[in-house]
Amino acid sequence: MSKNDNRPDPLSIKDATEFKRWYWRKEDLTLIAKHYGVKSTGAKFDILDRIAHFLDTGEKYSPKDRALKNNRTPQLSRFDWHCEVLDENTIITDSYKNTQNVRRFFKQHCGESFKFNIAFMEWMKANIGKTLLDAVEEHKKREQLLKASGKKTKIKPHNQYNQYCRDFLADNPNLKMSHVRIAWAKKIELPSETGRHVYEKSDLEFLKN
């Protein structure tokens, strides 16, 4: 947490409900989890749930972690998506990761404007055994459908920042991302009764300070 952060000391919070009212960055959650001896790796919201479960029960394994542990299957592939040479015939393995190496491949085959989005990342994870050529064709198909429909990509509920950016700029087309970042930084220093931080017209007041 930064020196100018108005959020409370996370270690002073003793129950899950209060903890979830505040916005925590992944690096915050990692440090907090390590302090409590809770598993600190994985997706941001998995770490958040582990900490919340620990605060309420004192247990260091969340129900999700326990279920995964009981149903763990060994990873079969040792293919390293960080450094292996990729081509259209490369098979998507169970060790697949969205690395810079993969990003370079897709930019080469789909154009410099290529960006990972959640729906496409989920497709990659769900299509072990297909090739990167299949993935390229899938991405191009999705882009064509998106342009034809005139719709924007759907933002997953847990991606609060992306949704905030979209809503802020849609309501204030004359403003820029620099304004969004200022408002967001102030917004997440405040608690939310729902645990979510969403754009409100009153957030423009943050830009006056």
N, C-alpha and C. Protein backbone atom coordinates (compact mmCIF):
# COMPACT_ATOMS: atom_id res chain seq x y z
N MET A 1 0.83 -1.19 0.00
CA MET A 1 0.00 0.00 0.00
C MET A 1 0.87 1.25 0.00
N SER A 2 0.45 2.29 -0.75
CA SER A 2 1.26 3.49 -0.86
C SER A 2 1.14 4.35 0.39
N LYS A 3 2.07 5.29 0.52
CA LYS A 3 2.08 6.15 1.70
C LYS A 3 0.84 7.02 1.79
N ASN A 4 0.26 7.37 0.62
CA ASN A 4 -0.91 8.24 0.60
C ASN A 4 -2.23 7.46 0.56
N ASP A 5 -2.14 6.18 0.79
CA ASP A 5 -3.32 5.32 0.73
C ASP A 5 -4.18 5.54 1.95
N ASN A 6 -5.49 5.75 1.72
CA ASN A 6 -6.41 5.99 2.83
C ASN A 6 -7.09 4.72 3.32
N ARG A 7 -6.76 3.59 2.71
CA ARG A 7 -7.36 2.34 3.17
C ARG A 7 -6.79 1.95 4.54
N PRO A 8 -7.55 1.20 5.32
CA PRO A 8 -7.04 0.80 6.65
C PRO A 8 -5.91 -0.22 6.51
N ASP A 9 -5.17 -0.39 7.58
CA ASP A 9 -4.15 -1.43 7.62
C ASP A 9 -4.88 -2.77 7.46
N PRO A 10 -4.58 -3.55 6.42
CA PRO A 10 -5.33 -4.80 6.21
C PRO A 10 -5.22 -5.77 7.37
N LEU A 11 -4.12 -5.70 8.11
CA LEU A 11 -3.93 -6.64 9.21
C LEU A 11 -4.77 -6.26 10.43
N SER A 12 -5.36 -5.05 10.38
CA SER A 12 -6.24 -4.63 11.49
C SER A 12 -7.67 -5.11 11.27
N ILE A 13 -7.97 -5.62 10.09
CA ILE A 13 -9.32 -6.09 9.76
C ILE A 13 -9.45 -7.56 10.18
N LYS A 14 -10.47 -7.86 10.95
CA LYS A 14 -10.58 -9.19 11.55
C LYS A 14 -11.72 -10.05 11.02
N ASP A 15 -12.53 -9.52 10.07
CA ASP A 15 -13.59 -10.37 9.53
C ASP A 15 -13.67 -10.21 8.02
N ALA A 16 -14.14 -11.25 7.34
CA ALA A 16 -14.14 -11.32 5.88
C ALA A 16 -15.03 -10.25 5.25
N THR A 17 -16.19 -9.99 5.85
CA THR A 17 -17.11 -9.01 5.26
C THR A 17 -16.46 -7.64 5.16
N GLU A 18 -15.82 -7.20 6.22
CA GLU A 18 -15.16 -5.90 6.21
C GLU A 18 -13.97 -5.91 5.25
N PHE A 19 -13.24 -7.00 5.23
CA PHE A 19 -12.07 -7.09 4.36
C PHE A 19 -12.46 -6.93 2.89
N LYS A 20 -13.60 -7.53 2.52
CA LYS A 20 -14.03 -7.50 1.13
C LYS A 20 -14.68 -6.18 0.71
N ARG A 21 -14.92 -5.30 1.68
CA ARG A 21 -15.48 -3.98 1.33
C ARG A 21 -14.44 -3.10 0.66
N TRP A 22 -13.17 -3.43 0.84
CA TRP A 22 -12.08 -2.60 0.33
C TRP A 22 -11.48 -3.21 -0.92
N TYR A 23 -10.90 -2.34 -1.72
CA TYR A 23 -10.24 -2.80 -2.95
C TYR A 23 -8.78 -3.09 -2.63
N TRP A 24 -8.33 -4.31 -2.96
CA TRP A 24 -6.94 -4.71 -2.73
C TRP A 24 -6.31 -5.11 -4.04
N ARG A 25 -5.12 -4.61 -4.30
CA ARG A 25 -4.37 -5.04 -5.47
C ARG A 25 -3.81 -6.43 -5.22
N LYS A 26 -3.48 -7.12 -6.30
CA LYS A 26 -2.98 -8.49 -6.14
C LYS A 26 -1.72 -8.52 -5.30
N GLU A 27 -0.83 -7.51 -5.49
CA GLU A 27 0.41 -7.50 -4.70
C GLU A 27 0.12 -7.31 -3.21
N ASP A 28 -0.95 -6.55 -2.88
CA ASP A 28 -1.37 -6.40 -1.48
C ASP A 28 -1.80 -7.75 -0.92
N LEU A 29 -2.66 -8.43 -1.70
CA LEU A 29 -3.21 -9.71 -1.25
C LEU A 29 -2.12 -10.75 -1.08
N THR A 30 -1.13 -10.74 -1.95
CA THR A 30 -0.03 -11.69 -1.85
C THR A 30 0.72 -11.52 -0.54
N LEU A 31 1.00 -10.27 -0.18
CA LEU A 31 1.72 -9.99 1.07
C LEU A 31 0.88 -10.37 2.29
N ILE A 32 -0.42 -10.06 2.23
CA ILE A 32 -1.31 -10.38 3.35
C ILE A 32 -1.41 -11.89 3.54
N ALA A 33 -1.55 -12.60 2.42
CA ALA A 33 -1.65 -14.07 2.48
C ALA A 33 -0.39 -14.66 3.08
N LYS A 34 0.77 -14.17 2.68
CA LYS A 34 2.03 -14.67 3.22
C LYS A 34 2.12 -14.41 4.72
N HIS A 35 1.61 -13.26 5.15
CA HIS A 35 1.63 -12.93 6.58
C HIS A 35 0.82 -13.96 7.38
N TYR A 36 -0.32 -14.35 6.84
CA TYR A 36 -1.19 -15.29 7.56
C TYR A 36 -0.81 -16.76 7.30
N GLY A 37 0.16 -16.98 6.42
CA GLY A 37 0.54 -18.35 6.12
C GLY A 37 -0.43 -19.04 5.19
N VAL A 38 -1.17 -18.23 4.42
CA VAL A 38 -2.14 -18.76 3.47
C VAL A 38 -1.49 -18.81 2.09
N LYS A 39 -1.89 -19.75 1.27
CA LYS A 39 -1.34 -19.86 -0.08
C LYS A 39 -1.49 -18.53 -0.81
N SER A 40 -0.37 -18.03 -1.35
CA SER A 40 -0.37 -16.67 -1.91
C SER A 40 -0.23 -16.64 -3.43
N THR A 41 -0.31 -17.80 -4.08
CA THR A 41 -0.20 -17.84 -5.53
C THR A 41 -1.56 -18.06 -6.16
N GLY A 42 -1.64 -17.84 -7.46
CA GLY A 42 -2.88 -18.06 -8.17
C GLY A 42 -3.56 -16.76 -8.54
N ALA A 43 -4.81 -16.84 -8.96
CA ALA A 43 -5.57 -15.67 -9.39
C ALA A 43 -5.88 -14.76 -8.20
N LYS A 44 -6.02 -13.49 -8.49
CA LYS A 44 -6.25 -12.49 -7.45
C LYS A 44 -7.42 -12.85 -6.55
N PHE A 45 -8.54 -13.24 -7.15
CA PHE A 45 -9.74 -13.47 -6.35
C PHE A 45 -9.70 -14.79 -5.60
N ASP A 46 -8.85 -15.71 -6.05
CA ASP A 46 -8.64 -16.92 -5.27
C ASP A 46 -7.89 -16.59 -3.98
N ILE A 47 -6.90 -15.69 -4.09
CA ILE A 47 -6.14 -15.27 -2.91
C ILE A 47 -7.05 -14.51 -1.95
N LEU A 48 -7.88 -13.64 -2.51
CA LEU A 48 -8.84 -12.88 -1.69
C LEU A 48 -9.76 -13.83 -0.92
N ASP A 49 -10.27 -14.84 -1.60
CA ASP A 49 -11.18 -15.79 -0.94
C ASP A 49 -10.46 -16.59 0.15
N ARG A 50 -9.19 -16.92 -0.08
CA ARG A 50 -8.44 -17.66 0.95
C ARG A 50 -8.28 -16.81 2.21
N ILE A 51 -7.94 -15.54 2.01
CA ILE A 51 -7.75 -14.65 3.16
C ILE A 51 -9.08 -14.47 3.91
N ALA A 52 -10.16 -14.25 3.15
CA ALA A 52 -11.47 -14.06 3.76
C ALA A 52 -11.87 -15.31 4.55
N HIS A 53 -11.63 -16.47 3.97
CA HIS A 53 -11.96 -17.73 4.65
C HIS A 53 -11.13 -17.88 5.93
N PHE A 54 -9.87 -17.50 5.86
CA PHE A 54 -9.00 -17.58 7.03
C PHE A 54 -9.49 -16.64 8.14
N LEU A 55 -9.89 -15.43 7.76
CA LEU A 55 -10.35 -14.46 8.76
C LEU A 55 -11.60 -14.95 9.47
N ASP A 56 -12.46 -15.65 8.76
CA ASP A 56 -13.71 -16.13 9.35
C ASP A 56 -13.56 -17.45 10.10
N THR A 57 -12.61 -18.29 9.68
CA THR A 57 -12.54 -19.64 10.25
C THR A 57 -11.20 -20.00 10.88
N GLY A 58 -10.16 -19.26 10.50
CA GLY A 58 -8.81 -19.61 10.97
C GLY A 58 -8.20 -20.74 10.16
N GLU A 59 -8.93 -21.23 9.13
CA GLU A 59 -8.42 -22.31 8.29
C GLU A 59 -7.59 -21.74 7.15
N LYS A 60 -6.46 -22.38 6.86
CA LYS A 60 -5.54 -21.86 5.85
C LYS A 60 -5.83 -22.39 4.45
N TYR A 61 -6.74 -23.36 4.34
CA TYR A 61 -7.15 -23.87 3.03
C TYR A 61 -8.61 -23.54 2.80
N SER A 62 -8.90 -22.88 1.69
CA SER A 62 -10.29 -22.57 1.36
C SER A 62 -10.97 -23.83 0.84
N PRO A 63 -12.30 -23.87 0.83
CA PRO A 63 -13.01 -25.04 0.29
C PRO A 63 -12.59 -25.33 -1.15
N LYS A 64 -12.36 -24.29 -1.94
CA LYS A 64 -11.94 -24.50 -3.33
C LYS A 64 -10.57 -25.17 -3.40
N ASP A 65 -9.62 -24.69 -2.57
CA ASP A 65 -8.28 -25.28 -2.55
C ASP A 65 -8.35 -26.74 -2.12
N ARG A 66 -9.18 -27.01 -1.14
CA ARG A 66 -9.29 -28.38 -0.63
C ARG A 66 -9.86 -29.31 -1.71
N ALA A 67 -10.84 -28.81 -2.46
CA ALA A 67 -11.44 -29.62 -3.52
C ALA A 67 -10.43 -29.89 -4.63
N LEU A 68 -9.65 -28.88 -4.97
CA LEU A 68 -8.63 -29.04 -6.01
C LEU A 68 -7.55 -30.03 -5.57
N LYS A 69 -7.20 -29.95 -4.29
CA LYS A 69 -6.18 -30.84 -3.77
C LYS A 69 -6.65 -32.29 -3.83
N ASN A 70 -7.92 -32.51 -3.53
CA ASN A 70 -8.46 -33.87 -3.52
C ASN A 70 -8.66 -34.43 -4.92
N ASN A 71 -8.78 -33.51 -5.91
CA ASN A 71 -9.03 -33.96 -7.28
C ASN A 71 -7.89 -33.59 -8.22
N ARG A 72 -6.71 -33.41 -7.65
CA ARG A 72 -5.57 -32.96 -8.44
C ARG A 72 -5.17 -34.00 -9.49
N THR A 73 -4.93 -33.52 -10.69
CA THR A 73 -4.41 -34.38 -11.76
C THR A 73 -3.04 -33.86 -12.16
N PRO A 74 -2.10 -34.74 -12.42
CA PRO A 74 -0.75 -34.29 -12.76
C PRO A 74 -0.72 -33.58 -14.10
N GLN A 75 0.13 -32.55 -14.19
CA GLN A 75 0.31 -31.86 -15.45
C GLN A 75 1.23 -32.72 -16.32
N LEU A 76 0.75 -33.06 -17.51
CA LEU A 76 1.49 -33.99 -18.35
C LEU A 76 2.54 -33.31 -19.22
N SER A 77 2.26 -32.11 -19.66
CA SER A 77 3.15 -31.46 -20.61
C SER A 77 4.23 -30.62 -19.93
N ARG A 78 5.44 -30.66 -20.50
CA ARG A 78 6.53 -29.81 -20.03
C ARG A 78 6.85 -28.71 -21.04
N PHE A 79 5.96 -28.52 -22.00
CA PHE A 79 6.16 -27.50 -23.02
C PHE A 79 6.19 -26.14 -22.35
N ASP A 80 7.27 -25.37 -22.60
CA ASP A 80 7.44 -24.07 -21.95
C ASP A 80 6.98 -22.96 -22.88
N TRP A 81 5.81 -22.39 -22.57
CA TRP A 81 5.23 -21.37 -23.43
C TRP A 81 5.96 -20.03 -23.33
N HIS A 82 6.91 -19.92 -22.43
CA HIS A 82 7.70 -18.69 -22.32
C HIS A 82 8.78 -18.61 -23.38
N CYS A 83 9.34 -19.75 -23.76
CA CYS A 83 10.54 -19.68 -24.61
C CYS A 83 10.56 -20.63 -25.81
N GLU A 84 9.63 -21.57 -25.91
CA GLU A 84 9.64 -22.48 -27.04
C GLU A 84 9.33 -21.73 -28.35
N VAL A 85 9.88 -22.22 -29.46
CA VAL A 85 9.57 -21.66 -30.77
C VAL A 85 8.14 -22.07 -31.14
N LEU A 86 7.33 -21.08 -31.50
CA LEU A 86 5.92 -21.34 -31.80
C LEU A 86 5.66 -21.21 -33.29
N ASP A 87 4.84 -22.09 -33.83
CA ASP A 87 4.38 -21.96 -35.21
C ASP A 87 2.94 -22.42 -35.28
N GLU A 88 2.37 -22.41 -36.46
CA GLU A 88 0.95 -22.72 -36.61
C GLU A 88 0.62 -24.16 -36.24
N ASN A 89 1.62 -25.03 -36.26
CA ASN A 89 1.37 -26.43 -35.94
C ASN A 89 1.57 -26.76 -34.47
N THR A 90 1.98 -25.77 -33.68
CA THR A 90 2.19 -26.00 -32.25
C THR A 90 0.89 -26.42 -31.58
N ILE A 91 0.94 -27.50 -30.82
CA ILE A 91 -0.24 -28.01 -30.13
C ILE A 91 -0.46 -27.26 -28.82
N ILE A 92 -1.70 -26.90 -28.53
CA ILE A 92 -2.03 -26.27 -27.25
C ILE A 92 -1.99 -27.35 -26.17
N THR A 93 -1.12 -27.19 -25.19
CA THR A 93 -0.93 -28.21 -24.16
C THR A 93 -1.63 -27.83 -22.86
N ASP A 94 -1.63 -28.80 -21.92
CA ASP A 94 -2.23 -28.53 -20.63
C ASP A 94 -1.37 -27.58 -19.78
N SER A 95 -0.18 -27.23 -20.28
CA SER A 95 0.69 -26.28 -19.56
C SER A 95 0.58 -24.88 -20.16
N TYR A 96 -0.41 -24.68 -21.04
CA TYR A 96 -0.53 -23.40 -21.75
C TYR A 96 -0.61 -22.21 -20.80
N LYS A 97 0.12 -21.13 -21.17
CA LYS A 97 0.08 -19.87 -20.43
C LYS A 97 0.07 -18.72 -21.43
N ASN A 98 -0.58 -17.61 -21.05
CA ASN A 98 -0.61 -16.43 -21.90
C ASN A 98 0.67 -15.62 -21.70
N THR A 99 1.72 -16.00 -22.38
CA THR A 99 3.03 -15.38 -22.20
C THR A 99 3.30 -14.33 -23.27
N GLN A 100 4.38 -13.57 -23.09
CA GLN A 100 4.80 -12.62 -24.10
C GLN A 100 5.19 -13.33 -25.38
N ASN A 101 5.73 -14.52 -25.25
CA ASN A 101 6.08 -15.34 -26.41
C ASN A 101 4.84 -15.64 -27.24
N VAL A 102 3.75 -15.99 -26.56
CA VAL A 102 2.48 -16.28 -27.25
C VAL A 102 1.91 -14.99 -27.85
N ARG A 103 2.01 -13.90 -27.10
CA ARG A 103 1.50 -12.62 -27.60
C ARG A 103 2.19 -12.23 -28.91
N ARG A 104 3.52 -12.43 -28.96
CA ARG A 104 4.26 -12.10 -30.18
C ARG A 104 3.78 -12.96 -31.37
N PHE A 105 3.51 -14.24 -31.09
CA PHE A 105 3.01 -15.12 -32.14
C PHE A 105 1.69 -14.60 -32.70
N PHE A 106 0.75 -14.27 -31.81
CA PHE A 106 -0.57 -13.82 -32.27
C PHE A 106 -0.49 -12.46 -32.97
N LYS A 107 0.40 -11.59 -32.52
CA LYS A 107 0.54 -10.30 -33.21
C LYS A 107 1.06 -10.51 -34.63
N GLN A 108 1.91 -11.49 -34.78
CA GLN A 108 2.45 -11.79 -36.10
C GLN A 108 1.38 -12.35 -37.03
N HIS A 109 0.46 -13.14 -36.48
CA HIS A 109 -0.53 -13.82 -37.31
C HIS A 109 -1.92 -13.16 -37.31
N CYS A 110 -2.17 -12.31 -36.32
CA CYS A 110 -3.49 -11.67 -36.24
C CYS A 110 -3.41 -10.15 -36.36
N GLY A 111 -2.19 -9.61 -36.40
CA GLY A 111 -2.03 -8.17 -36.51
C GLY A 111 -1.54 -7.55 -35.22
N GLU A 112 -0.91 -6.39 -35.35
CA GLU A 112 -0.31 -5.70 -34.20
C GLU A 112 -1.35 -5.25 -33.17
N SER A 113 -2.59 -5.17 -33.59
CA SER A 113 -3.65 -4.73 -32.66
C SER A 113 -4.12 -5.86 -31.75
N PHE A 114 -3.56 -7.07 -31.92
CA PHE A 114 -4.01 -8.21 -31.12
C PHE A 114 -3.86 -7.93 -29.62
N LYS A 115 -4.90 -8.29 -28.88
CA LYS A 115 -4.87 -8.22 -27.41
C LYS A 115 -5.58 -9.45 -26.87
N PHE A 116 -5.07 -9.97 -25.76
CA PHE A 116 -5.77 -11.06 -25.09
C PHE A 116 -7.04 -10.50 -24.46
N ASN A 117 -8.14 -11.23 -24.56
CA ASN A 117 -9.31 -10.90 -23.76
C ASN A 117 -9.73 -12.17 -23.03
N ILE A 118 -10.54 -12.02 -22.02
CA ILE A 118 -10.86 -13.15 -21.14
C ILE A 118 -11.52 -14.29 -21.89
N ALA A 119 -12.45 -13.96 -22.80
CA ALA A 119 -13.17 -15.01 -23.53
C ALA A 119 -12.21 -15.84 -24.37
N PHE A 120 -11.25 -15.18 -25.03
CA PHE A 120 -10.31 -15.90 -25.88
C PHE A 120 -9.33 -16.71 -25.03
N MET A 121 -8.91 -16.15 -23.89
CA MET A 121 -8.01 -16.89 -23.01
C MET A 121 -8.69 -18.16 -22.50
N GLU A 122 -9.98 -18.06 -22.20
CA GLU A 122 -10.72 -19.23 -21.74
C GLU A 122 -10.83 -20.27 -22.87
N TRP A 123 -10.96 -19.80 -24.12
CA TRP A 123 -11.02 -20.72 -25.25
C TRP A 123 -9.70 -21.48 -25.35
N MET A 124 -8.58 -20.80 -25.18
CA MET A 124 -7.27 -21.45 -25.24
C MET A 124 -7.15 -22.53 -24.18
N LYS A 125 -7.57 -22.23 -22.97
CA LYS A 125 -7.49 -23.19 -21.87
C LYS A 125 -8.40 -24.39 -22.10
N ALA A 126 -9.50 -24.16 -22.81
CA ALA A 126 -10.50 -25.22 -22.99
C ALA A 126 -10.26 -26.06 -24.24
N ASN A 127 -9.24 -25.71 -25.03
CA ASN A 127 -9.04 -26.41 -26.30
C ASN A 127 -7.67 -27.05 -26.41
N ILE A 128 -7.28 -27.74 -25.34
CA ILE A 128 -6.04 -28.51 -25.34
C ILE A 128 -6.10 -29.56 -26.46
N GLY A 129 -5.03 -29.65 -27.23
CA GLY A 129 -5.00 -30.62 -28.33
C GLY A 129 -5.16 -29.98 -29.69
N LYS A 130 -5.76 -28.78 -29.73
CA LYS A 130 -5.86 -28.06 -30.99
C LYS A 130 -4.54 -27.33 -31.25
N THR A 131 -4.39 -26.78 -32.46
CA THR A 131 -3.15 -26.11 -32.83
C THR A 131 -3.29 -24.60 -32.71
N LEU A 132 -2.15 -23.92 -32.79
CA LEU A 132 -2.19 -22.46 -32.78
C LEU A 132 -2.83 -21.91 -34.04
N LEU A 133 -2.79 -22.69 -35.14
CA LEU A 133 -3.52 -22.27 -36.34
C LEU A 133 -5.02 -22.25 -36.05
N ASP A 134 -5.51 -23.26 -35.32
CA ASP A 134 -6.93 -23.27 -34.91
C ASP A 134 -7.24 -22.04 -34.08
N ALA A 135 -6.30 -21.69 -33.21
CA ALA A 135 -6.50 -20.53 -32.33
C ALA A 135 -6.53 -19.24 -33.13
N VAL A 136 -5.65 -19.11 -34.11
CA VAL A 136 -5.63 -17.92 -34.97
C VAL A 136 -6.96 -17.78 -35.70
N GLU A 137 -7.43 -18.87 -36.26
CA GLU A 137 -8.71 -18.85 -36.99
C GLU A 137 -9.86 -18.52 -36.06
N GLU A 138 -9.81 -19.04 -34.82
CA GLU A 138 -10.85 -18.75 -33.83
C GLU A 138 -10.85 -17.26 -33.48
N HIS A 139 -9.66 -16.71 -33.30
CA HIS A 139 -9.57 -15.29 -32.95
C HIS A 139 -10.10 -14.41 -34.08
N LYS A 140 -9.72 -14.73 -35.31
CA LYS A 140 -10.18 -13.94 -36.45
C LYS A 140 -11.70 -14.03 -36.59
N LYS A 141 -12.25 -15.22 -36.35
CA LYS A 141 -13.70 -15.40 -36.42
C LYS A 141 -14.40 -14.55 -35.37
N ARG A 142 -13.84 -14.53 -34.16
CA ARG A 142 -14.43 -13.73 -33.09
C ARG A 142 -14.38 -12.24 -33.43
N GLU A 143 -13.26 -11.80 -34.01
CA GLU A 143 -13.12 -10.39 -34.39
C GLU A 143 -14.13 -10.02 -35.46
N GLN A 144 -14.35 -10.89 -36.44
CA GLN A 144 -15.31 -10.62 -37.49
C GLN A 144 -16.73 -10.53 -36.95
N LEU A 145 -17.07 -11.45 -36.05
CA LEU A 145 -18.40 -11.43 -35.44
C LEU A 145 -18.61 -10.18 -34.61
N LEU A 146 -17.55 -9.76 -33.92
CA LEU A 146 -17.63 -8.57 -33.09
C LEU A 146 -17.88 -7.33 -33.94
N LYS A 147 -17.15 -7.23 -35.06
CA LYS A 147 -17.32 -6.08 -35.94
C LYS A 147 -18.70 -6.09 -36.59
N ALA A 148 -19.17 -7.27 -36.96
CA ALA A 148 -20.48 -7.38 -37.61
C ALA A 148 -21.61 -6.99 -36.67
N SER A 149 -21.45 -7.34 -35.39
CA SER A 149 -22.50 -7.05 -34.42
C SER A 149 -22.43 -5.63 -33.90
N GLY A 150 -21.25 -5.02 -34.02
CA GLY A 150 -21.07 -3.66 -33.51
C GLY A 150 -21.04 -3.60 -32.00
N LYS A 151 -20.90 -4.77 -31.38
CA LYS A 151 -20.90 -4.82 -29.91
C LYS A 151 -19.48 -4.84 -29.37
N LYS A 152 -19.33 -4.42 -28.12
CA LYS A 152 -18.05 -4.48 -27.45
C LYS A 152 -17.88 -5.84 -26.78
N THR A 153 -16.64 -6.21 -26.53
CA THR A 153 -16.40 -7.45 -25.82
C THR A 153 -17.01 -7.38 -24.41
N LYS A 154 -17.49 -8.51 -23.96
CA LYS A 154 -18.09 -8.56 -22.62
C LYS A 154 -17.00 -8.62 -21.57
N ILE A 155 -17.13 -7.79 -20.54
CA ILE A 155 -16.16 -7.76 -19.45
C ILE A 155 -16.67 -8.62 -18.31
N LYS A 156 -15.82 -9.54 -17.85
CA LYS A 156 -16.21 -10.42 -16.75
C LYS A 156 -16.47 -9.59 -15.48
N PRO A 157 -17.43 -10.02 -14.65
CA PRO A 157 -17.80 -9.27 -13.45
C PRO A 157 -16.64 -8.95 -12.52
N HIS A 158 -15.64 -9.86 -12.42
CA HIS A 158 -14.56 -9.61 -11.46
C HIS A 158 -13.55 -8.59 -11.96
N ASN A 159 -13.61 -8.21 -13.26
CA ASN A 159 -12.63 -7.25 -13.79
C ASN A 159 -13.17 -5.84 -13.61
N GLN A 160 -13.12 -5.37 -12.38
CA GLN A 160 -13.72 -4.09 -12.04
C GLN A 160 -13.04 -2.91 -12.75
N TYR A 161 -11.72 -2.96 -12.87
CA TYR A 161 -10.99 -1.84 -13.45
C TYR A 161 -11.38 -1.62 -14.92
N ASN A 162 -11.40 -2.69 -15.71
CA ASN A 162 -11.76 -2.55 -17.12
C ASN A 162 -13.18 -2.03 -17.29
N GLN A 163 -14.10 -2.53 -16.45
CA GLN A 163 -15.48 -2.07 -16.53
C GLN A 163 -15.58 -0.60 -16.13
N TYR A 164 -14.81 -0.22 -15.12
CA TYR A 164 -14.81 1.17 -14.67
C TYR A 164 -14.31 2.08 -15.79
N CYS A 165 -13.22 1.68 -16.47
CA CYS A 165 -12.68 2.47 -17.57
C CYS A 165 -13.71 2.66 -18.67
N ARG A 166 -14.36 1.55 -19.04
CA ARG A 166 -15.34 1.63 -20.13
C ARG A 166 -16.50 2.54 -19.76
N ASP A 167 -17.03 2.38 -18.56
CA ASP A 167 -18.18 3.18 -18.14
C ASP A 167 -17.82 4.65 -17.98
N PHE A 168 -16.64 4.93 -17.44
CA PHE A 168 -16.18 6.31 -17.24
C PHE A 168 -16.06 7.02 -18.58
N LEU A 169 -15.39 6.40 -19.54
CA LEU A 169 -15.15 7.04 -20.83
C LEU A 169 -16.43 7.13 -21.67
N ALA A 170 -17.33 6.18 -21.50
CA ALA A 170 -18.60 6.24 -22.21
C ALA A 170 -19.44 7.42 -21.72
N ASP A 171 -19.35 7.71 -20.43
CA ASP A 171 -20.12 8.81 -19.84
C ASP A 171 -19.41 10.15 -20.03
N ASN A 172 -18.09 10.09 -20.26
CA ASN A 172 -17.31 11.33 -20.40
C ASN A 172 -16.37 11.22 -21.61
N PRO A 173 -16.93 11.23 -22.81
CA PRO A 173 -16.11 11.01 -24.02
C PRO A 173 -15.05 12.08 -24.25
N ASN A 174 -15.19 13.22 -23.58
CA ASN A 174 -14.21 14.31 -23.74
C ASN A 174 -13.00 14.12 -22.83
N LEU A 175 -13.05 13.14 -21.92
CA LEU A 175 -11.94 12.91 -21.00
C LEU A 175 -11.06 11.76 -21.51
N LYS A 176 -9.90 11.59 -20.86
CA LYS A 176 -8.91 10.63 -21.31
C LYS A 176 -8.62 9.59 -20.24
N MET A 177 -7.81 8.59 -20.62
CA MET A 177 -7.44 7.54 -19.67
C MET A 177 -6.70 8.11 -18.47
N SER A 178 -5.97 9.20 -18.65
CA SER A 178 -5.26 9.81 -17.53
C SER A 178 -6.25 10.26 -16.46
N HIS A 179 -7.43 10.74 -16.89
CA HIS A 179 -8.48 11.14 -15.94
C HIS A 179 -9.08 9.91 -15.25
N VAL A 180 -9.24 8.84 -16.04
CA VAL A 180 -9.78 7.60 -15.46
C VAL A 180 -8.87 7.10 -14.36
N ARG A 181 -7.56 7.10 -14.61
CA ARG A 181 -6.61 6.57 -13.63
C ARG A 181 -6.62 7.39 -12.34
N ILE A 182 -6.77 8.70 -12.47
CA ILE A 182 -6.84 9.55 -11.27
C ILE A 182 -8.09 9.20 -10.45
N ALA A 183 -9.24 9.11 -11.14
CA ALA A 183 -10.49 8.81 -10.44
C ALA A 183 -10.46 7.42 -9.82
N TRP A 184 -9.94 6.45 -10.56
CA TRP A 184 -9.89 5.08 -10.06
C TRP A 184 -9.01 4.98 -8.81
N ALA A 185 -7.87 5.66 -8.83
CA ALA A 185 -6.96 5.61 -7.68
C ALA A 185 -7.65 6.13 -6.43
N LYS A 186 -8.46 7.18 -6.58
CA LYS A 186 -9.20 7.73 -5.44
C LYS A 186 -10.36 6.82 -5.04
N LYS A 187 -11.01 6.26 -6.05
CA LYS A 187 -12.19 5.42 -5.81
C LYS A 187 -11.84 4.21 -4.95
N ILE A 188 -10.73 3.56 -5.26
CA ILE A 188 -10.42 2.31 -4.58
C ILE A 188 -9.84 2.53 -3.18
N GLU A 189 -9.66 3.78 -2.80
CA GLU A 189 -9.25 4.07 -1.43
C GLU A 189 -10.46 4.13 -0.50
N LEU A 190 -11.66 4.03 -1.08
CA LEU A 190 -12.89 4.10 -0.30
C LEU A 190 -13.54 2.72 -0.24
N PRO A 191 -14.25 2.43 0.85
CA PRO A 191 -14.92 1.13 0.95
C PRO A 191 -16.18 1.10 0.10
N SER A 192 -16.65 -0.08 -0.20
CA SER A 192 -17.89 -0.25 -0.94
C SER A 192 -18.76 -1.25 -0.20
N GLU A 193 -20.01 -0.92 0.03
CA GLU A 193 -20.90 -1.81 0.77
C GLU A 193 -21.13 -3.12 0.03
N THR A 194 -21.03 -3.07 -1.31
CA THR A 194 -21.24 -4.28 -2.10
C THR A 194 -19.94 -5.04 -2.36
N GLY A 195 -18.82 -4.41 -2.05
CA GLY A 195 -17.54 -5.02 -2.35
C GLY A 195 -17.07 -4.74 -3.77
N ARG A 196 -17.87 -4.00 -4.53
CA ARG A 196 -17.53 -3.66 -5.91
C ARG A 196 -17.35 -2.16 -6.04
N HIS A 197 -16.41 -1.77 -6.91
CA HIS A 197 -16.14 -0.35 -7.13
C HIS A 197 -16.53 -0.02 -8.57
N VAL A 198 -17.66 0.65 -8.72
CA VAL A 198 -18.21 0.93 -10.05
C VAL A 198 -18.25 2.44 -10.28
N TYR A 199 -18.27 2.81 -11.56
CA TYR A 199 -18.29 4.23 -11.92
C TYR A 199 -19.60 4.88 -11.53
N GLU A 200 -19.49 6.09 -10.96
CA GLU A 200 -20.64 6.93 -10.65
C GLU A 200 -20.33 8.34 -11.12
N LYS A 201 -21.34 9.09 -11.52
CA LYS A 201 -21.13 10.45 -12.02
C LYS A 201 -20.37 11.31 -11.00
N SER A 202 -20.63 11.05 -9.74
CA SER A 202 -19.99 11.84 -8.68
C SER A 202 -18.48 11.62 -8.63
N ASP A 203 -17.97 10.58 -9.31
CA ASP A 203 -16.53 10.31 -9.31
C ASP A 203 -15.75 11.44 -9.98
N LEU A 204 -16.43 12.26 -10.76
CA LEU A 204 -15.75 13.39 -11.41
C LEU A 204 -15.22 14.38 -10.37
N GLU A 205 -15.78 14.32 -9.15
CA GLU A 205 -15.29 15.18 -8.08
C GLU A 205 -13.85 14.86 -7.72
N PHE A 206 -13.46 13.61 -7.97
CA PHE A 206 -12.07 13.21 -7.68
C PHE A 206 -11.07 14.00 -8.52
N LEU A 207 -11.51 14.47 -9.66
CA LEU A 207 -10.61 15.18 -10.58
C LEU A 207 -10.37 16.62 -10.15
N LYS A 208 -11.14 17.09 -9.18
CA LYS A 208 -11.00 18.47 -8.74
C LYS A 208 -9.96 18.62 -7.65
N ASN A 209 -9.54 17.51 -7.05
CA ASN A 209 -8.60 17.56 -5.94
C ASN A 209 -7.16 17.58 -6.44
